[in-house]
C-alpha atoms as a PDB file:
ATOM      1  CA  MET A   1     118.364  86.871  84.203  1.00  0.00           C
ATOM      2  CA  THR A   2     119.271  90.162  82.515  1.00  0.00           C
ATOM      3  CA  GLN A   3     116.477  92.715  82.530  1.00  0.00           C
ATOM      4  CA  GLY A   4     115.468  94.741  79.514  1.00  0.00           C
ATOM      5  CA  LYS A   5     115.065  98.512  79.607  1.00  0.00           C
ATOM      6  CA  ILE A   6     112.030 100.777  79.822  1.00  0.00           C
ATOM      7  CA  HIS A   7     112.414 103.824  77.594  1.00  0.00           C
ATOM      8  CA  ASP A   8     110.331 106.818  78.674  1.00  0.00           C
ATOM      9  CA  ILE A   9     109.281 108.776  75.567  1.00  0.00           C
ATOM     10  CA  GLN A  10     107.122 111.861  75.008  1.00  0.00           C
ATOM     11  CA  PHE A  11     104.886 111.524  71.963  1.00  0.00           C
ATOM     12  CA  TYR A  12     102.674 114.330  70.665  1.00  0.00           C
ATOM     13  CA  SER A  13      99.203 113.093  69.689  1.00  0.00           C
ATOM     14  CA  GLU A  14      97.303 115.083  67.080  1.00  0.00           C
ATOM     15  CA  ALA A  15      94.095 113.207  67.951  1.00  0.00           C
ATOM     16  CA  LEU A  16      94.369 114.176  71.639  1.00  0.00           C
ATOM     17  CA  GLN A  17      96.171 117.488  71.046  1.00  0.00           C
ATOM     18  CA  GLU A  18      98.676 116.810  73.827  1.00  0.00           C
ATOM     19  CA  GLU A  19     101.941 115.137  74.761  1.00  0.00           C
ATOM     20  CA  MET A  20     101.457 111.501  75.760  1.00  0.00           C
ATOM     21  CA  GLU A  21     103.995 109.610  77.853  1.00  0.00           C
ATOM     22  CA  LEU A  22     105.020 106.222  76.450  1.00  0.00           C
ATOM     23  CA  LEU A  23     106.855 103.540  78.434  1.00  0.00           C
ATOM     24  CA  ILE A  24     108.487 101.232  75.900  1.00  0.00           C
ATOM     25  CA  TYR A  25     109.975  97.989  77.175  1.00  0.00           C
ATOM     26  CA  LEU A  26     112.697  96.513  74.989  1.00  0.00           C
ATOM     27  CA  PRO A  27     113.829  93.058  76.145  1.00  0.00           C
ATOM     28  CA  ALA A  28     117.420  92.414  77.195  1.00  0.00           C
ATOM     29  CA  ASN A  29     118.296  90.598  73.964  1.00  0.00           C
ATOM     30  CA  PHE A  30     116.618  93.219  71.761  1.00  0.00           C
ATOM     31  CA  THR A  31     118.110  93.432  68.292  1.00  0.00           C
ATOM     32  CA  PRO A  32     116.899  95.183  65.133  1.00  0.00           C
ATOM     33  CA  LEU A  33     117.734  91.966  63.259  1.00  0.00           C
ATOM     34  CA  LEU A  34     114.680  90.163  64.678  1.00  0.00           C
ATOM     35  CA  LYS A  35     110.951  90.886  64.380  1.00  0.00           C
ATOM     36  CA  TYR A  36     108.828  91.600  67.474  1.00  0.00           C
ATOM     37  CA  ALA A  37     105.177  91.326  68.421  1.00  0.00           C
ATOM     38  CA  VAL A  38     103.857  94.388  70.287  1.00  0.00           C
ATOM     39  CA  LEU A  39     101.708  94.458  73.422  1.00  0.00           C
ATOM     40  CA  PHE A  40      99.966  97.810  73.977  1.00  0.00           C
ATOM     41  CA  ALA A  41      98.988  98.426  77.618  1.00  0.00           C
ATOM     42  CA  SER A  42      96.610 101.185  78.669  1.00  0.00           C
ATOM     43  CA  ASP A  43      97.085 101.823  82.417  1.00  0.00           C
ATOM     44  CA  GLY A  44     100.685 101.463  81.282  1.00  0.00           C
ATOM     45  CA  LYS A  45     102.467 102.485  84.479  1.00  0.00           C
ATOM     46  CA  ASP A  46     100.291 100.117  86.523  1.00  0.00           C
ATOM     47  CA  TYR A  47     101.144  97.190  84.249  1.00  0.00           C
ATOM     48  CA  PHE A  48     104.876  97.750  84.787  1.00  0.00           C
ATOM     49  CA  GLN A  49     104.615  98.593  88.493  1.00  0.00           C
ATOM     50  CA  TYR A  50     101.870  96.272  89.774  1.00  0.00           C
ATOM     51  CA  GLY A  51     101.584  93.798  86.894  1.00  0.00           C
ATOM     52  CA  ARG A  52     105.396  93.412  86.582  1.00  0.00           C
ATOM     53  CA  ILE A  53     104.795  92.856  82.908  1.00  0.00           C
ATOM     54  CA  GLY A  54     108.394  93.586  81.885  1.00  0.00           C
ATOM     55  CA  LYS A  55     109.739  90.868  84.175  1.00  0.00           C
ATOM     56  CA  VAL A  56     107.091  88.405  83.005  1.00  0.00           C
ATOM     57  CA  VAL A  57     107.861  88.971  79.322  1.00  0.00           C
ATOM     58  CA  GLU A  58     111.620  88.795  79.965  1.00  0.00           C
ATOM     59  CA  GLU A  59     111.376  85.538  81.888  1.00  0.00           C
ATOM     60  CA  TYR A  60     109.327  83.771  79.217  1.00  0.00           C
ATOM     61  CA  MET A  61     111.496  85.109  76.395  1.00  0.00           C
ATOM     62  CA  SER A  62     114.713  84.036  78.094  1.00  0.00           C
ATOM     63  CA  LYS A  63     113.318  80.470  78.153  1.00  0.00           C
ATOM     64  CA  GLU A  64     112.013  80.820  74.585  1.00  0.00           C
ATOM     65  CA  GLU A  65     108.498  80.041  75.826  1.00  0.00           C
ATOM     66  CA  ILE A  66     106.905  83.025  74.064  1.00  0.00           C
ATOM     67  CA  GLU A  67     107.594  84.895  70.845  1.00  0.00           C
ATOM     68  CA  ASN A  68     109.692  88.079  70.915  1.00  0.00           C
ATOM     69  CA  VAL A  69     107.615  90.894  72.426  1.00  0.00           C
ATOM     70  CA  ILE A  70     107.952  94.655  72.922  1.00  0.00           C
ATOM     71  CA  VAL A  71     105.618  96.215  75.517  1.00  0.00           C
ATOM     72  CA  VAL A  72     104.263  99.734  74.967  1.00  0.00           C
ATOM     73  CA  GLY A  73     102.712 101.187  78.132  1.00  0.00           C
ATOM     74  CA  ILE A  74     100.479 104.260  77.953  1.00  0.00           C
ATOM     75  CA  PRO A  75     100.100 105.799  81.441  1.00  0.00           C
ATOM     76  CA  TYR A  76      97.138 107.997  82.349  1.00  0.00           C
ATOM     77  CA  LYS A  77      97.693 111.490  83.786  1.00  0.00           C
ATOM     78  CA  SER A  78      94.980 111.467  86.478  1.00  0.00           C
ATOM     79  CA  VAL A  79      92.018 109.361  87.608  1.00  0.00           C
ATOM     80  CA  ALA A  80      89.574 111.895  86.147  1.00  0.00           C
ATOM     81  CA  GLU A  81      91.443 111.974  82.834  1.00  0.00           C
ATOM     82  CA  ARG A  82      91.563 108.160  82.772  1.00  0.00           C
ATOM     83  CA  ARG A  83      87.772 108.031  82.846  1.00  0.00           C
ATOM     84  CA  ARG A  84      87.489 110.604  80.027  1.00  0.00           C
ATOM     85  CA  LEU A  85      89.843 108.534  77.837  1.00  0.00           C
ATOM     86  CA  TYR A  86      88.767 104.973  78.701  1.00  0.00           C
ATOM     87  CA  HIS A  87      85.055 104.992  79.661  1.00  0.00           C
ATOM     88  CA  PRO A  88      82.501 104.276  76.885  1.00  0.00           C
ATOM     89  CA  ASP A  89      80.802 107.566  77.842  1.00  0.00           C
ATOM     90  CA  GLY A  90      84.111 109.422  78.177  1.00  0.00           C
ATOM     91  CA  ASP A  91      84.192 112.585  76.095  1.00  0.00           C
ATOM     92  CA  ARG A  92      87.735 111.777  74.862  1.00  0.00           C
ATOM     93  CA  GLN A  93      87.417 108.033  74.316  1.00  0.00           C
ATOM     94  CA  LYS A  94      86.970 108.236  70.524  1.00  0.00           C
ATOM     95  CA  ASP A  95      90.068 110.429  70.287  1.00  0.00           C
ATOM     96  CA  TYR A  96      92.066 108.018  72.463  1.00  0.00           C
ATOM     97  CA  ILE A  97      91.055 105.063  70.281  1.00  0.00           C
ATOM     98  CA  ARG A  98      92.058 107.059  67.189  1.00  0.00           C
ATOM     99  CA  PHE A  99      95.408 107.853  68.848  1.00  0.00           C
ATOM    100  CA  LEU A 100      96.056 104.141  69.487  1.00  0.00           C
ATOM    101  CA  ALA A 101      95.171 102.914  65.999  1.00  0.00           C
ATOM    102  CA  HIS A 102      96.157 105.841  63.751  1.00  0.00           C
ATOM    103  CA  GLU A 103      99.134 107.373  65.567  1.00  0.00           C
ATOM    104  CA  LEU A 104     100.719 104.991  68.047  1.00  0.00           C
ATOM    105  CA  VAL A 105     100.747 101.891  65.831  1.00  0.00           C
ATOM    106  CA  PRO A 106     102.402 103.653  62.852  1.00  0.00           C
ATOM    107  CA  TYR A 107     104.921 105.290  65.198  1.00  0.00           C
ATOM    108  CA  ILE A 108     105.938 101.977  66.820  1.00  0.00           C
ATOM    109  CA  ASP A 109     106.107 100.299  63.399  1.00  0.00           C
ATOM    110  CA  SER A 110     108.391 103.058  62.111  1.00  0.00           C
ATOM    111  CA  GLU A 111     110.739 103.003  65.122  1.00  0.00           C
ATOM    112  CA  TYR A 112     111.021  99.267  65.909  1.00  0.00           C
ATOM    113  CA  PRO A 113     111.325  95.994  63.964  1.00  0.00           C
ATOM    114  CA  THR A 114     107.688  94.853  64.246  1.00  0.00           C
ATOM    115  CA  TYR A 115     105.617  92.481  62.107  1.00  0.00           C
ATOM    116  CA  GLN A 116     103.435  95.385  60.928  1.00  0.00           C
ATOM    117  CA  VAL A 117     100.286  93.231  60.807  1.00  0.00           C
ATOM    118  CA  GLY A 118      97.303  92.803  63.139  1.00  0.00           C
ATOM    119  CA  GLY A 119      98.467  89.313  64.096  1.00  0.00           C
ATOM    120  CA  GLY A 120     101.604  90.845  65.583  1.00  0.00           C
ATOM    121  CA  ARG A 121      99.724  93.225  67.900  1.00  0.00           C
ATOM    122  CA  ALA A 122      97.811  92.766  71.142  1.00  0.00           C
ATOM    123  CA  LEU A 123      96.082  95.104  73.604  1.00  0.00           C
ATOM    124  CA  ILE A 124      95.898  94.571  77.371  1.00  0.00           C
ATOM    125  CA  GLY A 125      93.990  96.405  80.085  1.00  0.00           C
ATOM    126  CA  ASP A 126      92.392  96.101  83.505  1.00  0.00           C
ATOM    127  CA  SER A 127      88.965  97.527  84.402  1.00  0.00           C
ATOM    128  CA  LEU A 128      88.297 100.631  82.234  1.00  0.00           C
ATOM    129  CA  ALA A 129      91.642 100.102  80.475  1.00  0.00           C
ATOM    130  CA  ALA A 130      90.320  96.674  79.421  1.00  0.00           C
ATOM    131  CA  THR A 131      87.121  98.312  78.188  1.00  0.00           C
ATOM    132  CA  VAL A 132      88.907 100.739  75.888  1.00  0.00           C
ATOM    133  CA  SER A 133      91.277  97.971  74.727  1.00  0.00           C
ATOM    134  CA  LEU A 134      88.302  95.830  73.729  1.00  0.00           C
ATOM    135  CA  GLN A 135      86.496  98.684  72.002  1.00  0.00           C
ATOM    136  CA  THR A 136      89.677  99.546  70.092  1.00  0.00           C
ATOM    137  CA  ALA A 137      90.194  95.945  68.965  1.00  0.00           C
ATOM    138  CA  LEU A 138      86.536  95.610  67.905  1.00  0.00           C
ATOM    139  CA  GLN A 139      86.773  98.836  65.914  1.00  0.00           C
ATOM    140  CA  TYR A 140      90.144  97.977  64.340  1.00  0.00           C
ATOM    141  CA  PRO A 141      90.344  94.155  64.044  1.00  0.00           C
ATOM    142  CA  ASN A 142      92.798  94.449  61.139  1.00  0.00           C
ATOM    143  CA  CYS A 143      95.107  96.459  63.364  1.00  0.00           C
ATOM    144  CA  PHE A 144      94.883  94.425  66.621  1.00  0.00           C
ATOM    145  CA  SER A 145      94.088  90.719  66.457  1.00  0.00           C
ATOM    146  CA  ARG A 146      94.519  89.861  70.154  1.00  0.00           C
ATOM    147  CA  VAL A 147      93.128  91.427  73.322  1.00  0.00           C
ATOM    148  CA  ILE A 148      93.620  90.630  77.026  1.00  0.00           C
ATOM    149  CA  LEU A 149      90.741  91.737  79.270  1.00  0.00           C
ATOM    150  CA  GLN A 150      91.224  91.728  83.034  1.00  0.00           C
ATOM    151  CA  SER A 151      87.920  92.575  84.770  1.00  0.00           C
ATOM    152  CA  PRO A 152      86.617  94.954  82.087  1.00  0.00           C
ATOM    153  CA  TYR A 153      83.851  97.446  82.790  1.00  0.00           C
ATOM    154  CA  VAL A 154      80.967  96.299  80.567  1.00  0.00           C
ATOM    155  CA  ASP A 155      77.819  98.277  79.779  1.00  0.00           C
ATOM    156  CA  GLU A 156      75.241  98.322  76.951  1.00  0.00           C
ATOM    157  CA  THR A 157      77.623 100.187  74.623  1.00  0.00           C
ATOM    158  CA  VAL A 158      80.264  97.471  75.063  1.00  0.00           C
ATOM    159  CA  LEU A 159      77.741  94.625  74.646  1.00  0.00           C
ATOM    160  CA  GLU A 160      76.446  96.234  71.448  1.00  0.00           C
ATOM    161  CA  ALA A 161      79.999  96.544  70.100  1.00  0.00           C
ATOM    162  CA  ILE A 162      80.579  92.804  70.676  1.00  0.00           C
ATOM    163  CA  GLU A 163      77.186  91.942  69.162  1.00  0.00           C
ATOM    164  CA  SER A 164      77.813  93.995  66.022  1.00  0.00           C
ATOM    165  CA  ALA A 165      81.347  92.677  65.341  1.00  0.00           C
ATOM    166  CA  LYS A 166      81.531  91.826  61.628  1.00  0.00           C
ATOM    167  CA  THR A 167      84.627  89.601  61.708  1.00  0.00           C
ATOM    168  CA  PRO A 168      84.739  87.879  65.131  1.00  0.00           C
ATOM    169  CA  GLU A 169      87.090  85.195  63.838  1.00  0.00           C
ATOM    170  CA  GLN A 170      89.782  87.899  63.421  1.00  0.00           C
ATOM    171  CA  LEU A 171      89.987  88.806  67.120  1.00  0.00           C
ATOM    172  CA  SER A 172      91.280  86.410  69.770  1.00  0.00           C
ATOM    173  CA  VAL A 173      89.977  87.344  73.250  1.00  0.00           C
ATOM    174  CA  TYR A 174      91.408  86.426  76.676  1.00  0.00           C
ATOM    175  CA  HIS A 175      88.884  87.403  79.369  1.00  0.00           C
ATOM    176  CA  VAL A 176      88.931  87.046  83.179  1.00  0.00           C
ATOM    177  CA  ILE A 177      86.635  88.402  85.901  1.00  0.00           C
ATOM    178  CA  GLY A 178      86.495  87.810  89.672  1.00  0.00           C
ATOM    179  CA  THR A 179      83.533  86.141  91.357  1.00  0.00           C
ATOM    180  CA  GLY A 180      83.845  88.805  94.080  1.00  0.00           C
ATOM    181  CA  GLU A 181      83.351  91.695  91.641  1.00  0.00           C
ATOM    182  CA  THR A 182      79.694  92.307  92.458  1.00  0.00           C
ATOM    183  CA  GLU A 183      80.162  95.591  94.341  1.00  0.00           C
ATOM    184  CA  VAL A 184      83.116  97.345  92.749  1.00  0.00           C
ATOM    185  CA  VAL A 185      83.672 100.855  94.116  1.00  0.00           C
ATOM    186  CA  THR A 186      84.174 103.212  91.152  1.00  0.00           C
ATOM    187  CA  THR A 187      85.432 106.798  91.298  1.00  0.00           C
ATOM    188  CA  ALA A 188      82.496 108.402  89.499  1.00  0.00           C
ATOM    189  CA  ASP A 189      79.603 105.916  89.446  1.00  0.00           C
ATOM    190  CA  GLY A 190      79.385 104.506  92.970  1.00  0.00           C
ATOM    191  CA  LYS A 191      79.285 100.734  93.583  1.00  0.00           C
ATOM    192  CA  GLN A 192      78.781  98.622  90.472  1.00  0.00           C
ATOM    193  CA  ASP A 193      78.255  94.952  89.681  1.00  0.00           C
ATOM    194  CA  PHE A 194      80.985  93.998  87.187  1.00  0.00           C
ATOM    195  CA  LEU A 195      80.358  90.245  87.271  1.00  0.00           C
ATOM    196  CA  THR A 196      76.860  90.063  85.755  1.00  0.00           C
ATOM    197  CA  PRO A 197      77.599  92.156  82.619  1.00  0.00           C
ATOM    198  CA  ASN A 198      80.893  90.278  82.138  1.00  0.00           C
ATOM    199  CA  ARG A 199      78.912  87.038  82.074  1.00  0.00           C
ATOM    200  CA  GLN A 200      76.615  88.591  79.471  1.00  0.00           C
ATOM    201  CA  ALA A 201      79.688  89.527  77.439  1.00  0.00           C
ATOM    202  CA  LYS A 202      80.938  85.939  77.705  1.00  0.00           C
ATOM    203  CA  GLN A 203      77.695  84.663  76.177  1.00  0.00           C
ATOM    204  CA  LEU A 204      78.000  87.121  73.302  1.00  0.00           C
ATOM    205  CA  PHE A 205      81.663  86.294  72.633  1.00  0.00           C
ATOM    206  CA  GLU A 206      80.800  82.588  72.503  1.00  0.00           C
ATOM    207  CA  ASN A 207      77.648  83.043  70.421  1.00  0.00           C
ATOM    208  CA  LYS A 208      79.503  85.198  67.888  1.00  0.00           C
ATOM    209  CA  GLY A 209      82.302  82.653  67.541  1.00  0.00           C
ATOM    210  CA  PHE A 210      85.305  84.693  68.695  1.00  0.00           C
ATOM    211  CA  PRO A 211      88.448  82.634  69.423  1.00  0.00           C
ATOM    212  CA  TYR A 212      87.916  82.935  73.151  1.00  0.00           C
ATOM    213  CA  PHE A 213      89.261  82.064  76.601  1.00  0.00           C
ATOM    214  CA  TYR A 214      87.202  82.885  79.691  1.00  0.00           C
ATOM    215  CA  GLU A 215      87.736  82.243  83.379  1.00  0.00           C
ATOM    216  CA  GLU A 216      86.280  83.470  86.648  1.00  0.00           C
ATOM    217  CA  PHE A 217      88.839  83.717  89.446  1.00  0.00           C
ATOM    218  CA  LYS A 218      88.051  83.713  93.155  1.00  0.00           C
ATOM    219  CA  GLY A 219      88.801  87.317  94.026  1.00  0.00           C
ATOM    220  CA  ASP A 220      87.891  90.964  93.649  1.00  0.00           C
ATOM    221  CA  HIS A 221      88.709  93.988  91.497  1.00  0.00           C
ATOM    222  CA  THR A 222      92.373  94.478  92.473  1.00  0.00           C
ATOM    223  CA  TRP A 223      95.939  93.935  91.284  1.00  0.00           C
ATOM    224  CA  LYS A 224      96.303  91.213  93.913  1.00  0.00           C
ATOM    225  CA  TYR A 225      94.479  88.977  91.414  1.00  0.00           C
ATOM    226  CA  TRP A 226      95.404  90.599  88.102  1.00  0.00           C
ATOM    227  CA  GLN A 227      99.145  90.458  88.764  1.00  0.00           C
ATOM    228  CA  PRO A 228      99.457  86.645  88.848  1.00  0.00           C
ATOM    229  CA  ASP A 229      97.016  86.439  85.932  1.00  0.00           C
ATOM    230  CA  VAL A 230      99.327  88.605  83.775  1.00  0.00           C
ATOM    231  CA  ARG A 231     101.722  85.632  83.711  1.00  0.00           C
ATOM    232  CA  ARG A 232      99.180  83.231  82.286  1.00  0.00           C
ATOM    233  CA  ALA A 233      97.721  85.798  79.889  1.00  0.00           C
ATOM    234  CA  VAL A 234     101.116  86.597  78.360  1.00  0.00           C
ATOM    235  CA  GLN A 235     101.963  82.913  78.050  1.00  0.00           C
ATOM    236  CA  MET A 236      98.629  82.024  76.439  1.00  0.00           C
ATOM    237  CA  VAL A 237      98.556  84.954  74.042  1.00  0.00           C
ATOM    238  CA  PHE A 238     102.218  84.926  72.974  1.00  0.00           C
ATOM    239  CA  GLY A 239     103.169  81.291  73.681  1.00  0.00           C
ATOM    240  CA  GLN A 240     105.310  79.482  71.127  1.00  0.00           C
END
């Protein structure tokens, strides 16, 4: 199987007032004559390195089991910076969300043959990257109509955002959490129970009527469990 290419691009964000690295995966058979869905991955480097998302997308596309997809990875610069950009209390989270919706989407649409509609865009993230992906999709449902959540950090702010969603039918949610995620060691907030608030989120998603898939896997808060799940998530979200 021929592999596609990852293009490493520097993009200046007005919202964040800094250069952002973008890792853009174009599949092996990429051609400007076709249209592509776009998967935006916060924790972008991790999704290529640990999640092997490029290989997963390539394999499914080569068998014509999913639609044509471009992956746009957004790496974080440091663990401390990641929290500032992704955490609901992060002082730069609003700016990061604005960057995704108002700068990155128009840039990708101008440079690549995309569908240019919300139905052609998805967000993916693990842990805090899942949190910011969800909050972005809830804030901009016309811009992103699909979101993949792998063990998101959920607090009252996130639950309120789900509860107050005006058009739940517009956002399709794929959501997994590990049954062992009851004492997750975080960098800034000590040990935290991720499982209980994720179960609360599940109830809200179902009550609100989101198109929704939920599963609890036997495992903890690590790539050991997210990596194999990337395969299923991509197939379910982009399957033909």
